[in-house]
Amino acid sequence: MNELTVHCVVTGSATTVAVAGRVSAQQCRMLREALEMAGRMRGYGPIVVDLAHVRYLSAAAVLILRRAADQARQARRDLTRESIERT
């Protein structure tokens, strides 16, 4: 499965970014744009990044997640993650 899917959903007080598949360096733009969208969907409350169905996470993707966490902290929001599932 080389396909990457990313969905942003507002549930309760949180905005969730659900990621599935492989997040290669070439696909990082999709992840970054989804995280930016999550920040705009609701200007308050936590952002949860669900990585439970990610099969591969590139170093570039980790950097994007780190920058998103820094931006959330500056906006006084929490950015948390769900674990990567191990098979």
Protein backbone atom coordinates (compact mmCIF):
# COMPACT_ATOMS: atom_id res chain seq x y z
CA MET A 1 0.00 0.00 0.00
CA ASN A 2 1.81 3.12 -1.25
CA GLU A 3 -1.26 5.32 -1.10
CA LEU A 4 -1.54 8.03 1.51
CA THR A 5 -4.90 9.19 2.85
CA VAL A 6 -5.41 12.11 5.20
CA HIS A 7 -8.73 13.25 6.69
CA CYS A 8 -9.53 16.17 8.99
CA VAL A 9 -12.56 15.83 11.25
CA VAL A 10 -13.91 17.96 14.10
CA THR A 11 -15.21 15.76 16.91
CA GLY A 12 -16.24 17.12 20.26
CA SER A 13 -13.66 19.66 21.34
CA ALA A 14 -10.84 18.25 19.18
CA THR A 15 -9.83 18.45 15.55
CA THR A 16 -8.46 15.11 14.38
CA VAL A 17 -6.09 14.56 11.47
CA ALA A 18 -6.31 10.87 10.56
CA VAL A 19 -3.39 9.62 8.47
CA ALA A 20 -3.15 6.19 6.80
CA GLY A 21 -0.58 4.57 4.53
CA ARG A 22 2.99 5.58 3.83
CA VAL A 23 4.13 9.15 4.47
CA SER A 24 7.19 9.39 2.22
CA ALA A 25 9.23 12.52 1.73
CA GLN A 26 7.44 13.06 -1.58
CA GLN A 27 4.03 12.99 0.14
CA CYS A 28 4.84 15.32 3.02
CA ARG A 29 3.09 18.24 1.36
CA MET A 30 -0.26 16.47 1.84
CA LEU A 31 0.45 15.98 5.55
CA ARG A 32 1.56 19.59 6.01
CA GLU A 33 -1.53 20.93 4.25
CA ALA A 34 -3.82 18.73 6.35
CA LEU A 35 -2.21 19.96 9.57
CA GLU A 36 -2.59 23.57 8.42
CA MET A 37 -6.24 22.91 7.55
CA ALA A 38 -6.84 21.39 10.99
CA GLY A 39 -5.56 24.57 12.57
CA ARG A 40 -7.95 26.66 10.48
CA MET A 41 -11.03 24.42 10.89
CA ARG A 42 -11.38 25.49 14.48
CA GLY A 43 -9.27 28.17 16.08
CA TYR A 44 -9.28 26.54 19.51
CA GLY A 45 -9.09 23.14 21.17
CA PRO A 46 -6.62 20.34 20.74
CA ILE A 47 -5.43 18.88 17.45
CA VAL A 48 -5.04 15.10 17.48
CA VAL A 49 -2.88 13.44 14.84
CA ASP A 50 -4.00 9.82 14.45
CA LEU A 51 -1.06 7.79 13.13
CA ALA A 52 -2.49 4.39 14.06
CA HIS A 53 -2.72 3.30 10.41
CA VAL A 54 0.59 4.73 9.18
CA ARG A 55 2.89 2.06 7.77
CA TYR A 56 5.91 4.29 7.16
CA LEU A 57 6.82 7.77 8.39
CA SER A 58 9.76 9.52 6.72
CA ALA A 59 12.18 11.78 8.54
CA ALA A 60 10.71 14.71 6.60
CA ALA A 61 7.24 13.82 7.94
CA VAL A 62 8.59 13.76 11.50
CA LEU A 63 9.98 17.27 10.94
CA ILE A 64 6.57 18.45 9.69
CA LEU A 65 4.90 17.01 12.80
CA ARG A 66 7.47 18.76 14.99
CA ARG A 67 6.85 22.10 13.27
CA ALA A 68 3.08 21.60 13.62
CA ALA A 69 3.54 20.96 17.35
CA ASP A 70 5.59 24.16 17.67
CA GLN A 71 2.92 26.14 15.80
CA ALA A 72 0.16 24.68 17.97
CA ARG A 73 2.09 25.59 21.12
CA GLN A 74 2.51 29.17 19.86
CA ALA A 75 -1.26 29.30 19.30
CA ARG A 76 -1.77 27.94 22.84
CA ARG A 77 -3.22 24.69 21.55
CA ASP A 78 -2.29 21.11 22.25
CA LEU A 79 -1.13 18.82 19.47
CA THR A 80 -1.16 15.17 20.47
CA ARG A 81 -0.74 11.96 18.53
CA GLU A 82 -2.06 8.44 18.45
CA SER A 83 0.64 5.78 18.18
CA ILE A 84 1.80 4.08 15.04
CA GLU A 85 0.46 0.54 14.91
CA ARG A 86 3.16 -2.14 14.85
CA THR A 87 2.53 -5.26 12.78
